[in-house]
Amino acid sequence: MADGRVTKDSKEKKKKEPGRVKRWFKDFFSELKKVTWPSFSKVLKQTGIVLLVTVCFLLVLMAFDSLFGLLYRYLISGLTDSVSAFALSARSFAAAGGGGLLLC
C-alpha cells in the first residue's frame, strides 16, 4: 500500500529528457506538412453548403416554433374561456343560495 512517500526510483522516472519540447514541435510541423489542404474554391463551396443547411434548419425550426405558438395560444384561449364560464356559473350558483362552498 502506498504511504505517499516519494522514492528515488519515482524521481528518476520523472526526469525530463533533453530536447523533448523541441522534438515535439519538430514532429508537429512534420505532420502538418503531410496534411492535404483543400483548395480555396472547395472551401468556398463547402462553406456555402454549411450556410445553406443552417438557413434551412433555421426556417424549419421557426416554422415549428410558430406552429407550437399558435397551438399554445389556441389552448390557452380555450382554457380561459372555459374557466371564465365555470367561474360565472359558480357565482350564479352561489348567488342563488345553492351550496355552501364558494369557488371564486
Protein backbone atom coordinates (compact mmCIF):
# COMPACT_ATOMS: atom_id res chain seq x y z
CA MET A 1 0.00 0.00 0.00
CA ALA A 2 1.30 3.45 -0.91
CA ASP A 3 2.02 5.68 2.03
CA GLY A 4 2.58 8.86 0.00
CA ARG A 5 6.38 8.85 0.20
CA VAL A 6 8.43 9.61 -2.88
CA THR A 7 11.27 7.22 -3.57
CA LYS A 8 14.39 7.72 -5.64
CA ASP A 9 13.03 5.43 -8.38
CA SER A 10 9.97 7.61 -8.99
CA LYS A 11 12.16 10.75 -9.09
CA GLU A 12 14.38 9.16 -11.73
CA LYS A 13 11.38 8.20 -13.86
CA LYS A 14 10.06 11.77 -13.82
CA LYS A 15 13.39 13.17 -15.02
CA LYS A 16 12.86 15.20 -18.20
CA GLU A 17 14.56 14.21 -21.42
CA PRO A 18 16.65 16.97 -23.01
CA GLY A 19 15.13 18.47 -26.18
CA ARG A 20 11.67 16.98 -25.57
CA VAL A 21 9.81 20.21 -26.43
CA LYS A 22 11.97 20.82 -29.48
CA ARG A 23 11.26 17.29 -30.74
CA TRP A 24 7.51 17.76 -30.16
CA PHE A 25 7.45 20.93 -32.32
CA LYS A 26 9.54 19.24 -35.00
CA ASP A 27 7.11 16.30 -35.12
CA PHE A 28 4.15 18.66 -35.08
CA PHE A 29 5.33 20.61 -38.12
CA SER A 30 6.36 17.47 -40.00
CA GLU A 31 2.81 16.12 -39.55
CA LEU A 32 1.36 19.44 -40.78
CA LYS A 33 3.39 19.07 -43.98
CA LYS A 34 1.68 15.72 -44.62
CA VAL A 35 -1.81 17.24 -44.48
CA THR A 36 -3.65 17.59 -47.79
CA TRP A 37 -5.15 21.06 -47.66
CA PRO A 38 -8.30 21.80 -49.73
CA SER A 39 -8.28 24.40 -52.48
CA PHE A 40 -9.84 27.80 -51.91
CA SER A 41 -12.75 27.11 -54.27
CA LYS A 42 -13.53 23.86 -52.43
CA VAL A 43 -13.51 25.71 -49.11
CA LEU A 44 -15.93 28.32 -50.51
CA LYS A 45 -18.30 25.61 -51.83
CA GLN A 46 -18.31 23.74 -48.53
CA THR A 47 -18.85 26.97 -46.59
CA GLY A 48 -21.81 27.79 -48.83
CA ILE A 49 -23.28 24.33 -48.24
CA VAL A 50 -22.93 24.72 -44.48
CA LEU A 51 -24.62 28.14 -44.57
CA LEU A 52 -27.45 26.79 -46.77
CA VAL A 53 -28.11 23.85 -44.43
CA THR A 54 -28.02 26.20 -41.44
CA VAL A 55 -30.60 28.53 -43.02
CA CYS A 56 -32.83 25.54 -43.92
CA PHE A 57 -32.75 24.30 -40.33
CA LEU A 58 -33.44 27.83 -39.14
CA LEU A 59 -36.56 28.03 -41.33
CA VAL A 60 -37.80 24.60 -40.20
CA LEU A 61 -37.28 25.47 -36.53
CA MET A 62 -39.02 28.82 -36.98
CA ALA A 63 -41.99 27.06 -38.62
CA PHE A 64 -42.25 24.59 -35.74
CA ASP A 65 -41.95 27.42 -33.23
CA SER A 66 -44.75 29.35 -34.91
CA LEU A 67 -46.94 26.26 -35.11
CA PHE A 68 -46.43 25.42 -31.45
CA GLY A 69 -47.02 29.07 -30.53
CA LEU A 70 -50.36 29.05 -32.36
CA LEU A 71 -51.37 25.78 -30.71
CA TYR A 72 -50.40 27.16 -27.31
CA ARG A 73 -52.42 30.34 -27.84
CA TYR A 74 -55.40 28.29 -29.02
CA LEU A 75 -55.21 26.05 -25.95
CA ILE A 76 -54.82 28.98 -23.57
CA SER A 77 -57.72 30.89 -25.12
CA GLY A 78 -59.87 27.76 -24.86
CA LEU A 79 -58.90 27.28 -21.24
CA THR A 80 -59.56 30.88 -20.27
CA ASP A 81 -62.98 30.76 -21.95
CA SER A 82 -63.92 27.59 -20.11
CA VAL A 83 -62.51 28.86 -16.81
CA SER A 84 -64.42 32.13 -17.09
CA ALA A 85 -67.63 30.24 -17.99
CA PHE A 86 -67.07 27.96 -14.98
CA ALA A 87 -66.48 30.96 -12.73
CA LEU A 88 -69.66 32.66 -13.94
CA SER A 89 -71.73 29.52 -13.38
CA ALA A 90 -70.24 29.03 -9.90
CA ARG A 91 -71.01 32.65 -8.96
CA SER A 92 -74.57 32.40 -10.17
CA PHE A 93 -74.97 29.10 -8.29
CA ALA A 94 -73.61 30.67 -5.09
CA ALA A 95 -75.72 33.83 -5.59
CA ALA A 96 -78.84 31.67 -5.93
CA GLY A 97 -78.16 30.28 -2.47
CA GLY A 98 -77.01 26.85 -3.59
CA GLY A 99 -74.10 25.14 -1.91
CA GLY A 100 -72.02 26.29 0.97
CA LEU A 101 -68.69 26.24 -0.96
CA LEU A 102 -67.64 29.48 -2.59
CA LEU A 103 -65.34 28.67 -5.50
CA CYS A 104 -64.39 32.13 -6.65
